[in-house]
């Protein structure tokens, strides 16, 4: 199944369950935020792989995340500040640029992997997520510390990974492969 989304190319990777704070000042994005709030829809966040966040053409990674606005405020500098939460992953089928400069994309949704338990040898990763303070108050829904996909997505959002490593984690469809990748990154950084 495909849908059309407004696309917000950024120099960051948003994971399902993660949060993103943005300062909105370009007219195309002010209009997009207004439309999202009015219609109760979200927008797509995709990592820029070529180009810049503000102005000019960009090329993004093919996999991104639907972001839903959960809060907004006027910042001290008068700009609009929003907080968005990552929901579902998508793969970009095609992109277009509207006359106002807003990028849009036709996307296909990437299904969630079936819930898999965190293997015993990977429970150290669950402990890291717990130590980071993930709790019902700052994550949507109840924490699912026994779900390998949930733990992997939250850990990938928290760890100091490079952008290519973050994007690789987002693109992985196998939750156990993602946990293994994160475990290897931790082992490399500890030596």
C-alpha atoms as a PDB file:
ATOM      1  CA  UNK A   1       0.000   0.000   0.000  1.00  0.00           C
ATOM      2  CA  UNK A   2       1.328   3.466  -0.889  1.00  0.00           C
ATOM      3  CA  UNK A   3       0.567   6.936   0.447  1.00  0.00           C
ATOM      4  CA  UNK A   4       1.674  10.448  -0.362  1.00  0.00           C
ATOM      5  CA  UNK A   5       3.527  12.404   2.336  1.00  0.00           C
ATOM      6  CA  UNK A   6       5.070  15.826   2.755  1.00  0.00           C
ATOM      7  CA  UNK A   7       8.770  15.154   3.138  1.00  0.00           C
ATOM      8  CA  UNK A   8      11.108  16.983   5.519  1.00  0.00           C
ATOM      9  CA  UNK A   9      14.703  16.156   4.531  1.00  0.00           C
ATOM     10  CA  UNK A  10      16.962  16.516   7.584  1.00  0.00           C
ATOM     11  CA  UNK A  11      20.523  15.885   8.677  1.00  0.00           C
ATOM     12  CA  UNK A  12      19.302  13.377  11.262  1.00  0.00           C
ATOM     13  CA  UNK A  13      17.615   9.979  11.516  1.00  0.00           C
ATOM     14  CA  UNK A  14      14.316   9.654  13.370  1.00  0.00           C
ATOM     15  CA  UNK A  15      13.349   6.229  14.707  1.00  0.00           C
ATOM     16  CA  UNK A  16       9.876   4.913  15.538  1.00  0.00           C
ATOM     17  CA  UNK A  17       9.259   5.931  19.147  1.00  0.00           C
ATOM     18  CA  UNK A  18      11.935   8.642  19.024  1.00  0.00           C
ATOM     19  CA  UNK A  19      11.318  12.362  19.425  1.00  0.00           C
ATOM     20  CA  UNK A  20      12.532  15.246  17.317  1.00  0.00           C
ATOM     21  CA  UNK A  21      12.499  18.956  18.149  1.00  0.00           C
ATOM     22  CA  UNK A  22      12.492  21.344  15.199  1.00  0.00           C
ATOM     23  CA  UNK A  23      12.555  25.112  14.705  1.00  0.00           C
ATOM     24  CA  UNK A  24      10.252  25.957  11.820  1.00  0.00           C
ATOM     25  CA  UNK A  25      10.836  29.173   9.883  1.00  0.00           C
ATOM     26  CA  UNK A  26      10.577  28.462   6.144  1.00  0.00           C
ATOM     27  CA  UNK A  27       7.119  29.243   4.685  1.00  0.00           C
ATOM     28  CA  UNK A  28       6.861  25.801   3.012  1.00  0.00           C
ATOM     29  CA  UNK A  29       7.338  24.067   6.384  1.00  0.00           C
ATOM     30  CA  UNK A  30       5.085  26.493   8.274  1.00  0.00           C
ATOM     31  CA  UNK A  31       2.342  25.592   5.772  1.00  0.00           C
ATOM     32  CA  UNK A  32       3.147  21.879   6.144  1.00  0.00           C
ATOM     33  CA  UNK A  33       2.952  22.064   9.968  1.00  0.00           C
ATOM     34  CA  UNK A  34      -0.334  23.990   9.776  1.00  0.00           C
ATOM     35  CA  UNK A  35      -1.798  21.368   7.419  1.00  0.00           C
ATOM     36  CA  UNK A  36      -0.572  18.478   9.593  1.00  0.00           C
ATOM     37  CA  UNK A  37      -2.145  20.012  12.715  1.00  0.00           C
ATOM     38  CA  UNK A  38      -5.400  20.856  10.937  1.00  0.00           C
ATOM     39  CA  UNK A  39      -5.767  17.414   9.296  1.00  0.00           C
ATOM     40  CA  UNK A  40      -4.256  15.309  12.086  1.00  0.00           C
ATOM     41  CA  UNK A  41      -1.637  13.883   9.729  1.00  0.00           C
ATOM     42  CA  UNK A  42       2.114  13.482   9.917  1.00  0.00           C
ATOM     43  CA  UNK A  43       5.064  14.182   7.639  1.00  0.00           C
ATOM     44  CA  UNK A  44       7.993  12.102   6.486  1.00  0.00           C
ATOM     45  CA  UNK A  45      11.500  12.579   7.872  1.00  0.00           C
ATOM     46  CA  UNK A  46      14.331  11.277   5.718  1.00  0.00           C
ATOM     47  CA  UNK A  47      18.100  11.649   6.106  1.00  0.00           C
ATOM     48  CA  UNK A  48      19.759  13.990   3.599  1.00  0.00           C
ATOM     49  CA  UNK A  49      22.523  12.160   1.754  1.00  0.00           C
ATOM     50  CA  UNK A  50      23.240  14.991  -0.701  1.00  0.00           C
ATOM     51  CA  UNK A  51      22.480  18.701  -0.347  1.00  0.00           C
ATOM     52  CA  UNK A  52      21.633  20.868   2.665  1.00  0.00           C
ATOM     53  CA  UNK A  53      18.693  21.217   5.066  1.00  0.00           C
ATOM     54  CA  UNK A  54      17.943  24.847   4.181  1.00  0.00           C
ATOM     55  CA  UNK A  55      17.628  25.636   0.503  1.00  0.00           C
ATOM     56  CA  UNK A  56      18.584  23.962  -2.721  1.00  0.00           C
ATOM     57  CA  UNK A  57      17.869  20.488  -4.015  1.00  0.00           C
ATOM     58  CA  UNK A  58      18.472  17.503  -1.775  1.00  0.00           C
ATOM     59  CA  UNK A  59      18.668  13.758  -2.172  1.00  0.00           C
ATOM     60  CA  UNK A  60      17.541  11.649   0.762  1.00  0.00           C
ATOM     61  CA  UNK A  61      17.949   8.101   1.958  1.00  0.00           C
ATOM     62  CA  UNK A  62      15.234   5.787   0.638  1.00  0.00           C
ATOM     63  CA  UNK A  63      13.952   4.767   4.091  1.00  0.00           C
ATOM     64  CA  UNK A  64      12.492   7.285   6.536  1.00  0.00           C
ATOM     65  CA  UNK A  65      10.014   7.609   9.394  1.00  0.00           C
ATOM     66  CA  UNK A  66       6.566   9.147   9.703  1.00  0.00           C
ATOM     67  CA  UNK A  67       6.681  11.993  12.245  1.00  0.00           C
ATOM     68  CA  UNK A  68       3.561  13.143  14.081  1.00  0.00           C
ATOM     69  CA  UNK A  69       3.502  16.533  15.829  1.00  0.00           C
ATOM     70  CA  UNK A  70       2.841  16.055  19.553  1.00  0.00           C
ATOM     71  CA  UNK A  71       3.557  19.587  20.799  1.00  0.00           C
ATOM     72  CA  UNK A  72       4.283  23.082  19.517  1.00  0.00           C
ATOM     73  CA  UNK A  73       5.245  26.442  20.986  1.00  0.00           C
ATOM     74  CA  UNK A  74       6.428  29.907  20.067  1.00  0.00           C
ATOM     75  CA  UNK A  75      10.145  30.056  20.788  1.00  0.00           C
ATOM     76  CA  UNK A  76      11.872  33.021  22.451  1.00  0.00           C
ATOM     77  CA  UNK A  77      13.120  34.181  19.038  1.00  0.00           C
ATOM     78  CA  UNK A  78       9.543  34.241  17.715  1.00  0.00           C
ATOM     79  CA  UNK A  79       9.926  31.103  15.599  1.00  0.00           C
ATOM     80  CA  UNK A  80       7.665  28.078  15.787  1.00  0.00           C
ATOM     81  CA  UNK A  81       9.052  25.132  17.729  1.00  0.00           C
ATOM     82  CA  UNK A  82       7.561  21.677  17.281  1.00  0.00           C
ATOM     83  CA  UNK A  83       8.116  18.320  18.901  1.00  0.00           C
ATOM     84  CA  UNK A  84       7.384  15.319  16.688  1.00  0.00           C
ATOM     85  CA  UNK A  85       7.353  11.636  17.548  1.00  0.00           C
ATOM     86  CA  UNK A  86       8.468   8.933  15.133  1.00  0.00           C
ATOM     87  CA  UNK A  87       5.864   6.348  14.182  1.00  0.00           C
ATOM     88  CA  UNK A  88       6.091   4.004  11.181  1.00  0.00           C
ATOM     89  CA  UNK A  89       8.980   3.418   8.799  1.00  0.00           C
ATOM     90  CA  UNK A  90       8.513   3.874   5.065  1.00  0.00           C
ATOM     91  CA  UNK A  91      10.398   3.341   1.800  1.00  0.00           C
ATOM     92  CA  UNK A  92      10.319   6.164  -0.746  1.00  0.00           C
ATOM     93  CA  UNK A  93       8.929   5.049  -4.107  1.00  0.00           C
ATOM     94  CA  UNK A  94       9.169   8.446  -5.830  1.00  0.00           C
ATOM     95  CA  UNK A  95       9.623  12.111  -4.964  1.00  0.00           C
ATOM     96  CA  UNK A  96       8.442  15.426  -6.368  1.00  0.00           C
ATOM     97  CA  UNK A  97       8.988  19.076  -5.496  1.00  0.00           C
ATOM     98  CA  UNK A  98       5.975  21.396  -5.350  1.00  0.00           C
ATOM     99  CA  UNK A  99       6.078  24.972  -6.674  1.00  0.00           C
ATOM    100  CA  UNK A 100       6.534  26.293  -3.094  1.00  0.00           C
ATOM    101  CA  UNK A 101       9.649  24.103  -2.674  1.00  0.00           C
ATOM    102  CA  UNK A 102       8.026  21.497  -0.422  1.00  0.00           C
ATOM    103  CA  UNK A 103       9.220  17.983  -1.184  1.00  0.00           C
ATOM    104  CA  UNK A 104       6.632  15.239  -1.349  1.00  0.00           C
ATOM    105  CA  UNK A 105       7.042  11.507  -1.626  1.00  0.00           C
ATOM    106  CA  UNK A 106       4.998   8.499  -2.565  1.00  0.00           C
ATOM    107  CA  UNK A 107       5.898   5.938   0.087  1.00  0.00           C
ATOM    108  CA  UNK A 108       5.242   2.312   0.874  1.00  0.00           C
ATOM    109  CA  UNK A 109       4.964   1.391   4.528  1.00  0.00           C
ATOM    110  CA  UNK A 110       7.454  -1.059   5.980  1.00  0.00           C
ATOM    111  CA  UNK A 111       5.630  -3.476   8.228  1.00  0.00           C
ATOM    112  CA  UNK A 112       6.680  -3.956  11.787  1.00  0.00           C
ATOM    113  CA  UNK A 113       8.550  -7.145  12.506  1.00  0.00           C
ATOM    114  CA  UNK A 114       6.736  -9.680  14.622  1.00  0.00           C
ATOM    115  CA  UNK A 115       7.552  -9.287  18.304  1.00  0.00           C
ATOM    116  CA  UNK A 116      10.655 -11.283  19.160  1.00  0.00           C
ATOM    117  CA  UNK A 117      12.101 -11.681  22.624  1.00  0.00           C
ATOM    118  CA  UNK A 118      15.475 -10.150  23.360  1.00  0.00           C
ATOM    119  CA  UNK A 119      17.980 -13.044  23.400  1.00  0.00           C
ATOM    120  CA  UNK A 120      19.639 -13.705  26.754  1.00  0.00           C
ATOM    121  CA  UNK A 121      23.068 -12.682  25.412  1.00  0.00           C
ATOM    122  CA  UNK A 122      21.609  -9.282  24.379  1.00  0.00           C
ATOM    123  CA  UNK A 123      19.907  -8.350  27.675  1.00  0.00           C
ATOM    124  CA  UNK A 124      22.769  -5.898  28.353  1.00  0.00           C
ATOM    125  CA  UNK A 125      21.202  -3.774  25.590  1.00  0.00           C
ATOM    126  CA  UNK A 126      17.853  -3.805  27.382  1.00  0.00           C
ATOM    127  CA  UNK A 127      19.632  -2.652  30.546  1.00  0.00           C
ATOM    128  CA  UNK A 128      21.175   0.274  28.639  1.00  0.00           C
ATOM    129  CA  UNK A 129      17.738   1.415  27.469  1.00  0.00           C
ATOM    130  CA  UNK A 130      16.424   1.136  31.045  1.00  0.00           C
ATOM    131  CA  UNK A 131      19.388   3.128  32.388  1.00  0.00           C
ATOM    132  CA  UNK A 132      18.725   5.851  29.812  1.00  0.00           C
ATOM    133  CA  UNK A 133      15.492   6.556  31.624  1.00  0.00           C
ATOM    134  CA  UNK A 134      13.023   5.290  29.032  1.00  0.00           C
ATOM    135  CA  UNK A 135       9.757   5.038  30.922  1.00  0.00           C
ATOM    136  CA  UNK A 136       6.032   5.341  30.274  1.00  0.00           C
ATOM    137  CA  UNK A 137       6.317   9.087  30.888  1.00  0.00           C
ATOM    138  CA  UNK A 138       8.729   9.762  28.024  1.00  0.00           C
ATOM    139  CA  UNK A 139       7.971   7.048  25.489  1.00  0.00           C
ATOM    140  CA  UNK A 140       4.686   6.424  23.724  1.00  0.00           C
ATOM    141  CA  UNK A 141       2.870   3.460  25.222  1.00  0.00           C
ATOM    142  CA  UNK A 142       4.339   1.189  27.827  1.00  0.00           C
ATOM    143  CA  UNK A 143       8.011   0.239  27.486  1.00  0.00           C
ATOM    144  CA  UNK A 144       8.432  -3.122  25.802  1.00  0.00           C
ATOM    145  CA  UNK A 145      11.761  -4.177  27.252  1.00  0.00           C
ATOM    146  CA  UNK A 146      11.149  -7.775  26.134  1.00  0.00           C
ATOM    147  CA  UNK A 147      10.594  -6.802  22.449  1.00  0.00           C
ATOM    148  CA  UNK A 148      13.797  -6.921  20.368  1.00  0.00           C
ATOM    149  CA  UNK A 149      12.514  -4.421  17.790  1.00  0.00           C
ATOM    150  CA  UNK A 150      11.413  -1.885  20.427  1.00  0.00           C
ATOM    151  CA  UNK A 151      14.714  -2.168  22.324  1.00  0.00           C
ATOM    152  CA  UNK A 152      16.776  -1.888  19.125  1.00  0.00           C
ATOM    153  CA  UNK A 153      14.950   1.196  17.807  1.00  0.00           C
ATOM    154  CA  UNK A 154      15.216   3.013  21.151  1.00  0.00           C
ATOM    155  CA  UNK A 155      18.861   2.079  21.611  1.00  0.00           C
ATOM    156  CA  UNK A 156      19.756   3.189  18.072  1.00  0.00           C
ATOM    157  CA  UNK A 157      18.160   6.567  18.853  1.00  0.00           C
ATOM    158  CA  UNK A 158      20.171   6.895  22.093  1.00  0.00           C
ATOM    159  CA  UNK A 159      23.662   5.677  21.155  1.00  0.00           C
ATOM    160  CA  UNK A 160      26.315   8.000  19.685  1.00  0.00           C
ATOM    161  CA  UNK A 161      26.240   6.364  16.252  1.00  0.00           C
ATOM    162  CA  UNK A 162      27.347   7.942  12.988  1.00  0.00           C
ATOM    163  CA  UNK A 163      24.560   9.003  10.617  1.00  0.00           C
ATOM    164  CA  UNK A 164      25.292   6.088   8.229  1.00  0.00           C
ATOM    165  CA  UNK A 165      25.114   3.668  11.205  1.00  0.00           C
ATOM    166  CA  UNK A 166      21.801   5.192  12.338  1.00  0.00           C
ATOM    167  CA  UNK A 167      20.386   4.951   8.835  1.00  0.00           C
ATOM    168  CA  UNK A 168      21.538   1.335   8.537  1.00  0.00           C
ATOM    169  CA  UNK A 169      19.708   0.502  11.798  1.00  0.00           C
ATOM    170  CA  UNK A 170      16.540   2.195  10.536  1.00  0.00           C
ATOM    171  CA  UNK A 171      16.666   0.224   7.295  1.00  0.00           C
ATOM    172  CA  UNK A 172      17.146  -3.181   8.946  1.00  0.00           C
ATOM    173  CA  UNK A 173      14.004  -5.314   8.895  1.00  0.00           C
ATOM    174  CA  UNK A 174      15.421  -7.989  11.200  1.00  0.00           C
ATOM    175  CA  UNK A 175      15.223  -6.943  14.865  1.00  0.00           C
ATOM    176  CA  UNK A 176      17.843  -9.486  15.989  1.00  0.00           C
ATOM    177  CA  UNK A 177      20.249  -8.333  13.262  1.00  0.00           C
ATOM    178  CA  UNK A 178      19.774  -4.739  14.515  1.00  0.00           C
ATOM    179  CA  UNK A 179      20.548  -5.793  18.111  1.00  0.00           C
ATOM    180  CA  UNK A 180      23.656  -7.668  16.953  1.00  0.00           C
ATOM    181  CA  UNK A 181      24.832  -4.613  14.987  1.00  0.00           C
ATOM    182  CA  UNK A 182      24.322  -2.356  18.029  1.00  0.00           C
ATOM    183  CA  UNK A 183      26.126  -4.823  20.303  1.00  0.00           C
ATOM    184  CA  UNK A 184      29.100  -4.836  17.912  1.00  0.00           C
ATOM    185  CA  UNK A 185      29.160  -0.995  17.872  1.00  0.00           C
ATOM    186  CA  UNK A 186      29.254  -0.986  21.684  1.00  0.00           C
ATOM    187  CA  UNK A 187      32.067  -3.546  21.751  1.00  0.00           C
ATOM    188  CA  UNK A 188      34.126  -1.463  19.271  1.00  0.00           C
ATOM    189  CA  UNK A 189      33.708   1.711  21.327  1.00  0.00           C
ATOM    190  CA  UNK A 190      34.694  -0.020  24.593  1.00  0.00           C
ATOM    191  CA  UNK A 191      38.079  -1.146  23.251  1.00  0.00           C
END
